All heavy atoms as atom14 arrays in JSON, in Angstrom:
{
  "sequence": "QLLDQPWAAWRNAILAELSTAHPDLAAKATRMDITRYGH",
  "atom14_mask": [
    [1, 1, 1, 1, 1, 1, 1, 1, 1, 0, 0, 0, 0, 0],
    [1, 1, 1, 1, 1, 1, 1, 1, 0, 0, 0, 0, 0, 0],
    [1, 1, 1, 1, 1, 1, 1, 1, 0, 0, 0, 0, 0, 0],
    [1, 1, 1, 1, 1, 1, 1, 1, 0, 0, 0, 0, 0, 0],
    [1, 1, 1, 1, 1, 1, 1, 1, 1, 0, 0, 0, 0, 0],
    [1, 1, 1, 1, 1, 1, 1, 0, 0, 0, 0, 0, 0, 0],
    [1, 1, 1, 1, 1, 1, 1, 1, 1, 1, 1, 1, 1, 1],
    [1, 1, 1, 1, 1, 0, 0, 0, 0, 0, 0, 0, 0, 0],
    [1, 1, 1, 1, 1, 0, 0, 0, 0, 0, 0, 0, 0, 0],
    [1, 1, 1, 1, 1, 1, 1, 1, 1, 1, 1, 1, 1, 1],
    [1, 1, 1, 1, 1, 1, 1, 1, 1, 1, 1, 0, 0, 0],
    [1, 1, 1, 1, 1, 1, 1, 1, 0, 0, 0, 0, 0, 0],
    [1, 1, 1, 1, 1, 0, 0, 0, 0, 0, 0, 0, 0, 0],
    [1, 1, 1, 1, 1, 1, 1, 1, 0, 0, 0, 0, 0, 0],
    [1, 1, 1, 1, 1, 1, 1, 1, 0, 0, 0, 0, 0, 0],
    [1, 1, 1, 1, 1, 0, 0, 0, 0, 0, 0, 0, 0, 0],
    [1, 1, 1, 1, 1, 1, 1, 1, 1, 0, 0, 0, 0, 0],
    [1, 1, 1, 1, 1, 1, 1, 1, 0, 0, 0, 0, 0, 0],
    [1, 1, 1, 1, 1, 1, 0, 0, 0, 0, 0, 0, 0, 0],
    [1, 1, 1, 1, 1, 1, 1, 0, 0, 0, 0, 0, 0, 0],
    [1, 1, 1, 1, 1, 0, 0, 0, 0, 0, 0, 0, 0, 0],
    [1, 1, 1, 1, 1, 1, 1, 1, 1, 1, 0, 0, 0, 0],
    [1, 1, 1, 1, 1, 1, 1, 0, 0, 0, 0, 0, 0, 0],
    [1, 1, 1, 1, 1, 1, 1, 1, 0, 0, 0, 0, 0, 0],
    [1, 1, 1, 1, 1, 1, 1, 1, 0, 0, 0, 0, 0, 0],
    [1, 1, 1, 1, 1, 0, 0, 0, 0, 0, 0, 0, 0, 0],
    [1, 1, 1, 1, 1, 0, 0, 0, 0, 0, 0, 0, 0, 0],
    [1, 1, 1, 1, 1, 1, 1, 1, 1, 0, 0, 0, 0, 0],
    [1, 1, 1, 1, 1, 0, 0, 0, 0, 0, 0, 0, 0, 0],
    [1, 1, 1, 1, 1, 1, 1, 0, 0, 0, 0, 0, 0, 0],
    [1, 1, 1, 1, 1, 1, 1, 1, 1, 1, 1, 0, 0, 0],
    [1, 1, 1, 1, 1, 1, 1, 1, 0, 0, 0, 0, 0, 0],
    [1, 1, 1, 1, 1, 1, 1, 1, 0, 0, 0, 0, 0, 0],
    [1, 1, 1, 1, 1, 1, 1, 1, 0, 0, 0, 0, 0, 0],
    [1, 1, 1, 1, 1, 1, 1, 0, 0, 0, 0, 0, 0, 0],
    [1, 1, 1, 1, 1, 1, 1, 1, 1, 1, 1, 0, 0, 0],
    [1, 1, 1, 1, 1, 1, 1, 1, 1, 1, 1, 1, 0, 0],
    [1, 1, 1, 1, 0, 0, 0, 0, 0, 0, 0, 0, 0, 0],
    [1, 1, 1, 1, 1, 1, 1, 1, 1, 1, 0, 0, 0, 0]
  ],
  "atom14_positions": [
    [[97.04, 82.14, 80.49], [95.67, 82.43, 80.73], [95.12, 83.4, 79.67], [94.0, 83.24, 79.18], [95.48, 83.06, 82.09], [95.55, 82.12, 83.26], [95.14, 82.75, 84.59], [94.64, 83.84, 84.59], [95.52, 82.08, 85.7], [0.0, 0.0, 0.0], [0.0, 0.0, 0.0], [0.0, 0.0, 0.0], [0.0, 0.0, 0.0], [0.0, 0.0, 0.0]],
    [[95.95, 84.38, 79.35], [95.46, 85.36, 78.34], [95.12, 84.71, 77.03], [94.14, 85.06, 76.34], [96.56, 86.44, 78.14], [96.69, 87.53, 79.14], [97.82, 88.51, 78.69], [95.37, 88.28, 79.3], [0.0, 0.0, 0.0], [0.0, 0.0, 0.0], [0.0, 0.0, 0.0], [0.0, 0.0, 0.0], [0.0, 0.0, 0.0], [0.0, 0.0, 0.0]],
    [[95.94, 83.74, 76.63], [95.75, 83.09, 75.34], [94.66, 82.06, 75.4], [93.9, 81.85, 74.45], [97.08, 82.52, 74.85], [98.06, 83.42, 74.21], [99.32, 82.72, 73.84], [97.44, 84.12, 72.98], [0.0, 0.0, 0.0], [0.0, 0.0, 0.0], [0.0, 0.0, 0.0], [0.0, 0.0, 0.0], [0.0, 0.0, 0.0], [0.0, 0.0, 0.0]],
    [[94.63, 81.29, 76.51], [93.72, 80.1, 76.57], [92.3, 80.44, 76.95], [91.36, 79.78, 76.48], [94.31, 79.08, 77.55], [95.62, 78.49, 77.07], [95.96, 78.71, 75.86], [96.3, 77.83, 77.87], [0.0, 0.0, 0.0], [0.0, 0.0, 0.0], [0.0, 0.0, 0.0], [0.0, 0.0, 0.0], [0.0, 0.0, 0.0], [0.0, 0.0, 0.0]],
    [[92.11, 81.41, 77.83], [90.76, 81.68, 78.35], [89.93, 82.4, 77.3], [90.41, 83.39, 76.7], [90.81, 82.55, 79.63], [91.39, 81.81, 80.84], [90.49, 80.68, 81.33], [89.34, 80.61, 80.94], [91.05, 79.74, 82.09], [0.0, 0.0, 0.0], [0.0, 0.0, 0.0], [0.0, 0.0, 0.0], [0.0, 0.0, 0.0], [0.0, 0.0, 0.0]],
    [[88.71, 81.94, 76.97], [87.86, 82.6, 76.04], [87.44, 83.98, 76.54], [87.46, 84.2, 77.74], [86.73, 81.65, 75.87], [86.66, 80.9, 77.14], [88.05, 80.73, 77.62], [0.0, 0.0, 0.0], [0.0, 0.0, 0.0], [0.0, 0.0, 0.0], [0.0, 0.0, 0.0], [0.0, 0.0, 0.0], [0.0, 0.0, 0.0], [0.0, 0.0, 0.0]],
    [[87.02, 84.82, 75.61], [86.59, 86.18, 75.96], [85.43, 86.09, 77.0], [85.43, 86.91, 77.91], [86.11, 86.87, 74.7], [85.38, 88.17, 74.95], [85.88, 89.38, 75.19], [83.89, 88.3, 75.03], [84.88, 90.3, 75.42], [83.67, 89.65, 75.3], [82.86, 87.44, 74.87], [82.4, 90.17, 75.51], [81.55, 87.93, 75.02], [81.37, 89.3, 75.31]],
    [[84.52, 85.2, 76.85], [83.35, 85.13, 77.75], [83.76, 84.86, 79.18], [83.15, 85.34, 80.16], [82.34, 84.1, 77.29], [0.0, 0.0, 0.0], [0.0, 0.0, 0.0], [0.0, 0.0, 0.0], [0.0, 0.0, 0.0], [0.0, 0.0, 0.0], [0.0, 0.0, 0.0], [0.0, 0.0, 0.0], [0.0, 0.0, 0.0], [0.0, 0.0, 0.0]],
    [[84.84, 84.05, 79.38], [85.32, 83.77, 80.75], [85.86, 85.05, 81.4], [85.59, 85.31, 82.57], [86.38, 82.68, 80.71], [0.0, 0.0, 0.0], [0.0, 0.0, 0.0], [0.0, 0.0, 0.0], [0.0, 0.0, 0.0], [0.0, 0.0, 0.0], [0.0, 0.0, 0.0], [0.0, 0.0, 0.0], [0.0, 0.0, 0.0], [0.0, 0.0, 0.0]],
    [[86.62, 85.84, 80.64], [87.08, 87.09, 81.17], [85.91, 88.03, 81.45], [85.89, 88.7, 82.47], [88.08, 87.72, 80.21], [89.39, 87.03, 80.09], [89.87, 86.37, 79.0], [90.39, 86.92, 81.08], [91.08, 85.81, 79.21], [91.44, 86.15, 80.53], [90.5, 87.38, 82.39], [92.62, 85.84, 81.24], [91.67, 87.09, 83.09], [92.71, 86.34, 82.5]],
    [[85.0, 88.14, 80.51], [83.83, 89.02, 80.7], [83.12, 88.66, 82.02], [82.82, 89.56, 82.81], [82.87, 88.85, 79.52], [81.54, 89.66, 79.67], [80.46, 89.13, 78.72], [80.13, 87.72, 79.06], [79.29, 86.99, 78.35], [78.71, 87.49, 77.27], [79.04, 85.74, 78.67], [0.0, 0.0, 0.0], [0.0, 0.0, 0.0], [0.0, 0.0, 0.0]],
    [[82.82, 87.39, 82.21], [82.07, 86.98, 83.37], [82.84, 87.24, 84.66], [82.22, 87.69, 85.65], [81.74, 85.46, 83.27], [80.78, 85.19, 82.12], [80.31, 86.1, 81.44], [80.57, 83.91, 81.85], [0.0, 0.0, 0.0], [0.0, 0.0, 0.0], [0.0, 0.0, 0.0], [0.0, 0.0, 0.0], [0.0, 0.0, 0.0], [0.0, 0.0, 0.0]],
    [[84.15, 86.95, 84.65], [84.95, 87.21, 85.89], [85.0, 88.71, 86.19], [84.87, 89.08, 87.41], [86.36, 86.63, 85.71], [0.0, 0.0, 0.0], [0.0, 0.0, 0.0], [0.0, 0.0, 0.0], [0.0, 0.0, 0.0], [0.0, 0.0, 0.0], [0.0, 0.0, 0.0], [0.0, 0.0, 0.0], [0.0, 0.0, 0.0], [0.0, 0.0, 0.0]],
    [[85.18, 89.52, 85.22], [85.29, 90.97, 85.43], [83.97, 91.54, 85.97], [83.91, 92.35, 86.92], [85.71, 91.67, 84.15], [87.19, 91.25, 83.83], [85.66, 93.18, 84.28], [87.65, 91.64, 82.43], [0.0, 0.0, 0.0], [0.0, 0.0, 0.0], [0.0, 0.0, 0.0], [0.0, 0.0, 0.0], [0.0, 0.0, 0.0], [0.0, 0.0, 0.0]],
    [[82.88, 91.14, 85.34], [81.58, 91.69, 85.75], [81.22, 91.18, 87.17], [80.67, 91.95, 87.99], [80.51, 91.24, 84.79], [80.54, 91.93, 83.39], [79.52, 91.23, 82.43], [80.31, 93.42, 83.51], [0.0, 0.0, 0.0], [0.0, 0.0, 0.0], [0.0, 0.0, 0.0], [0.0, 0.0, 0.0], [0.0, 0.0, 0.0], [0.0, 0.0, 0.0]],
    [[81.55, 89.92, 87.5], [81.27, 89.42, 88.84], [82.05, 90.22, 89.9], [81.59, 90.54, 90.97], [81.61, 87.97, 88.92], [0.0, 0.0, 0.0], [0.0, 0.0, 0.0], [0.0, 0.0, 0.0], [0.0, 0.0, 0.0], [0.0, 0.0, 0.0], [0.0, 0.0, 0.0], [0.0, 0.0, 0.0], [0.0, 0.0, 0.0], [0.0, 0.0, 0.0]],
    [[83.3, 90.55, 89.56], [84.15, 91.26, 90.51], [83.64, 92.71, 90.7], [83.48, 93.14, 91.86], [85.58, 91.34, 89.99], [86.56, 92.05, 90.89], [87.97, 92.0, 90.37], [88.41, 90.94, 89.91], [88.64, 93.05, 90.39], [0.0, 0.0, 0.0], [0.0, 0.0, 0.0], [0.0, 0.0, 0.0], [0.0, 0.0, 0.0], [0.0, 0.0, 0.0]],
    [[83.37, 93.41, 89.61], [82.98, 94.79, 89.75], [81.52, 94.94, 90.28], [81.16, 96.0, 90.84], [83.05, 95.52, 88.38], [84.45, 95.63, 87.83], [84.44, 96.39, 86.49], [85.43, 96.32, 88.82], [0.0, 0.0, 0.0], [0.0, 0.0, 0.0], [0.0, 0.0, 0.0], [0.0, 0.0, 0.0], [0.0, 0.0, 0.0], [0.0, 0.0, 0.0]],
    [[80.75, 93.9, 90.17], [79.37, 93.94, 90.61], [79.24, 93.99, 92.13], [78.18, 94.32, 92.65], [78.51, 92.73, 90.09], [78.4, 92.91, 88.67], [0.0, 0.0, 0.0], [0.0, 0.0, 0.0], [0.0, 0.0, 0.0], [0.0, 0.0, 0.0], [0.0, 0.0, 0.0], [0.0, 0.0, 0.0], [0.0, 0.0, 0.0], [0.0, 0.0, 0.0]],
    [[80.33, 93.61, 92.82], [80.27, 93.73, 94.3], [80.09, 95.18, 94.71], [79.51, 95.47, 95.76], [81.55, 93.19, 94.91], [82.73, 93.9, 94.45], [81.74, 91.73, 94.58], [0.0, 0.0, 0.0], [0.0, 0.0, 0.0], [0.0, 0.0, 0.0], [0.0, 0.0, 0.0], [0.0, 0.0, 0.0], [0.0, 0.0, 0.0], [0.0, 0.0, 0.0]],
    [[80.54, 96.17, 93.91], [80.33, 97.55, 94.19], [79.16, 98.15, 93.38], [78.59, 99.13, 93.78], [81.6, 98.36, 93.94], [0.0, 0.0, 0.0], [0.0, 0.0, 0.0], [0.0, 0.0, 0.0], [0.0, 0.0, 0.0], [0.0, 0.0, 0.0], [0.0, 0.0, 0.0], [0.0, 0.0, 0.0], [0.0, 0.0, 0.0], [0.0, 0.0, 0.0]],
    [[78.88, 97.48, 92.24], [77.88, 98.0, 91.31], [76.94, 96.88, 90.94], [77.09, 96.25, 89.87], [78.52, 98.61, 90.06], [79.45, 99.74, 90.34], [79.01, 100.97, 90.81], [80.8, 99.87, 90.15], [80.08, 101.75, 90.94], [81.16, 101.14, 90.54], [0.0, 0.0, 0.0], [0.0, 0.0, 0.0], [0.0, 0.0, 0.0], [0.0, 0.0, 0.0]],
    [[75.91, 96.55, 91.75], [75.04, 95.45, 91.42], [74.3, 95.61, 90.13], [73.82, 94.63, 89.51], [74.04, 95.44, 92.63], [74.81, 96.08, 93.75], [75.64, 97.11, 93.12], [0.0, 0.0, 0.0], [0.0, 0.0, 0.0], [0.0, 0.0, 0.0], [0.0, 0.0, 0.0], [0.0, 0.0, 0.0], [0.0, 0.0, 0.0], [0.0, 0.0, 0.0]],
    [[74.1, 96.86, 89.66], [73.38, 97.1, 88.4], [74.31, 97.17, 87.21], [73.82, 97.51, 86.1], [72.6, 98.4, 88.51], [73.47, 99.62, 88.86], [74.56, 99.44, 89.46], [73.11, 100.77, 88.53], [0.0, 0.0, 0.0], [0.0, 0.0, 0.0], [0.0, 0.0, 0.0], [0.0, 0.0, 0.0], [0.0, 0.0, 0.0], [0.0, 0.0, 0.0]],
    [[75.56, 96.83, 87.37], [76.5, 96.93, 86.29], [76.12, 96.02, 85.11], [76.07, 96.52, 83.93], [77.88, 96.54, 86.74], [79.02, 96.45, 85.66], [79.25, 97.84, 85.08], [80.3, 95.93, 86.26], [0.0, 0.0, 0.0], [0.0, 0.0, 0.0], [0.0, 0.0, 0.0], [0.0, 0.0, 0.0], [0.0, 0.0, 0.0], [0.0, 0.0, 0.0]],
    [[75.82, 94.76, 85.33], [75.5, 93.88, 84.23], [74.3, 94.28, 83.43], [74.23, 94.16, 82.21], [75.31, 92.45, 84.76], [0.0, 0.0, 0.0], [0.0, 0.0, 0.0], [0.0, 0.0, 0.0], [0.0, 0.0, 0.0], [0.0, 0.0, 0.0], [0.0, 0.0, 0.0], [0.0, 0.0, 0.0], [0.0, 0.0, 0.0], [0.0, 0.0, 0.0]],
    [[73.31, 94.84, 84.13], [72.07, 95.25, 83.44], [72.31, 96.42, 82.53], [71.57, 96.64, 81.57], [70.95, 95.55, 84.47], [0.0, 0.0, 0.0], [0.0, 0.0, 0.0], [0.0, 0.0, 0.0], [0.0, 0.0, 0.0], [0.0, 0.0, 0.0], [0.0, 0.0, 0.0], [0.0, 0.0, 0.0], [0.0, 0.0, 0.0], [0.0, 0.0, 0.0]],
    [[73.3, 97.26, 82.82], [73.6, 98.48, 82.05], [74.71, 98.37, 81.08], [74.92, 99.3, 80.32], [73.79, 99.65, 83.06], [72.54, 99.98, 83.87], [72.75, 101.0, 84.91], [71.5, 101.31, 85.7], [71.68, 102.31, 86.78], [0.0, 0.0, 0.0], [0.0, 0.0, 0.0], [0.0, 0.0, 0.0], [0.0, 0.0, 0.0], [0.0, 0.0, 0.0]],
    [[75.44, 97.24, 81.19], [76.54, 97.03, 80.24], [76.03, 96.46, 78.94], [75.13, 95.62, 78.92], [77.58, 96.1, 80.88], [0.0, 0.0, 0.0], [0.0, 0.0, 0.0], [0.0, 0.0, 0.0], [0.0, 0.0, 0.0], [0.0, 0.0, 0.0], [0.0, 0.0, 0.0], [0.0, 0.0, 0.0], [0.0, 0.0, 0.0], [0.0, 0.0, 0.0]],
    [[76.55, 96.98, 77.81], [76.13, 96.52, 76.53], [77.27, 95.8, 75.75], [77.0, 94.97, 74.92], [75.6, 97.66, 75.67], [76.72, 98.52, 75.29], [74.53, 98.44, 76.38], [0.0, 0.0, 0.0], [0.0, 0.0, 0.0], [0.0, 0.0, 0.0], [0.0, 0.0, 0.0], [0.0, 0.0, 0.0], [0.0, 0.0, 0.0], [0.0, 0.0, 0.0]],
    [[78.5, 96.19, 76.05], [79.64, 95.66, 75.32], [80.89, 95.69, 76.12], [81.04, 96.55, 76.96], [79.81, 96.43, 74.03], [80.91, 95.93, 73.12], [81.04, 96.66, 71.79], [82.09, 96.09, 70.98], [81.95, 95.08, 70.19], [80.73, 94.45, 70.07], [82.95, 94.54, 69.48], [0.0, 0.0, 0.0], [0.0, 0.0, 0.0], [0.0, 0.0, 0.0]],
    [[81.77, 94.73, 75.9], [83.09, 94.7, 76.56], [84.15, 94.27, 75.51], [84.09, 93.17, 75.03], [83.1, 93.75, 77.76], [84.44, 93.75, 78.47], [84.63, 92.44, 79.8], [83.26, 92.91, 80.9], [0.0, 0.0, 0.0], [0.0, 0.0, 0.0], [0.0, 0.0, 0.0], [0.0, 0.0, 0.0], [0.0, 0.0, 0.0], [0.0, 0.0, 0.0]],
    [[85.02, 95.19, 75.24], [86.17, 94.9, 74.36], [87.43, 94.72, 75.23], [87.75, 95.54, 76.12], [86.44, 96.04, 73.4], [85.4, 96.1, 72.27], [84.64, 95.06, 72.1], [85.26, 97.1, 71.58], [0.0, 0.0, 0.0], [0.0, 0.0, 0.0], [0.0, 0.0, 0.0], [0.0, 0.0, 0.0], [0.0, 0.0, 0.0], [0.0, 0.0, 0.0]],
    [[88.12, 93.59, 75.01], [89.25, 93.24, 75.82], [90.56, 93.28, 75.02], [90.61, 92.65, 73.94], [89.06, 91.85, 76.43], [87.87, 91.89, 77.44], [90.3, 91.34, 77.12], [87.51, 90.53, 78.02], [0.0, 0.0, 0.0], [0.0, 0.0, 0.0], [0.0, 0.0, 0.0], [0.0, 0.0, 0.0], [0.0, 0.0, 0.0], [0.0, 0.0, 0.0]],
    [[91.56, 93.94, 75.53], [92.88, 93.99, 74.9], [93.86, 93.23, 75.78], [93.91, 93.41, 77.0], [93.35, 95.46, 74.76], [92.39, 96.19, 74.03], [94.69, 95.53, 74.03], [0.0, 0.0, 0.0], [0.0, 0.0, 0.0], [0.0, 0.0, 0.0], [0.0, 0.0, 0.0], [0.0, 0.0, 0.0], [0.0, 0.0, 0.0], [0.0, 0.0, 0.0]],
    [[94.65, 92.34, 75.16], [95.56, 91.52, 75.85], [97.02, 91.87, 75.5], [97.32, 91.98, 74.33], [95.3, 90.0, 75.52], [93.91, 89.54, 75.89], [93.69, 88.12, 75.31], [93.58, 88.12, 73.85], [93.5, 87.03, 73.11], [93.49, 85.84, 73.66], [93.45, 87.15, 71.8], [0.0, 0.0, 0.0], [0.0, 0.0, 0.0], [0.0, 0.0, 0.0]],
    [[97.86, 91.98, 76.52], [99.27, 92.23, 76.35], [100.06, 91.15, 77.02], [100.15, 91.09, 78.24], [99.66, 93.59, 76.94], [98.99, 94.78, 76.3], [97.85, 95.36, 76.89], [99.47, 95.31, 75.09], [97.25, 96.46, 76.3], [98.86, 96.42, 74.48], [97.75, 96.97, 75.09], [97.15, 98.05, 74.54], [0.0, 0.0, 0.0], [0.0, 0.0, 0.0]],
    [[100.62, 90.24, 76.25], [101.4, 89.14, 76.83], [102.69, 89.58, 77.55], [103.09, 88.98, 78.53], [0.0, 0.0, 0.0], [0.0, 0.0, 0.0], [0.0, 0.0, 0.0], [0.0, 0.0, 0.0], [0.0, 0.0, 0.0], [0.0, 0.0, 0.0], [0.0, 0.0, 0.0], [0.0, 0.0, 0.0], [0.0, 0.0, 0.0], [0.0, 0.0, 0.0]],
    [[103.32, 90.63, 76.94], [104.57, 91.15, 77.48], [104.41, 92.65, 77.61], [105.09, 93.47, 76.98], [105.78, 90.84, 76.59], [105.9, 89.35, 76.32], [105.18, 88.62, 75.44], [106.81, 88.43, 76.91], [105.55, 87.36, 75.43], [106.53, 87.25, 76.34], [0.0, 0.0, 0.0], [0.0, 0.0, 0.0], [0.0, 0.0, 0.0], [0.0, 0.0, 0.0]]
  ]
}
């Protein structure tokens, strides 16, 4: 999953999850940098 899923898929899933507690998160977010560790 880490290798195959594009950055936008991770971005969307993370924002959807955190927005359950913070509905205004997406409107105030400007950037998301993702670091992947396979092992």
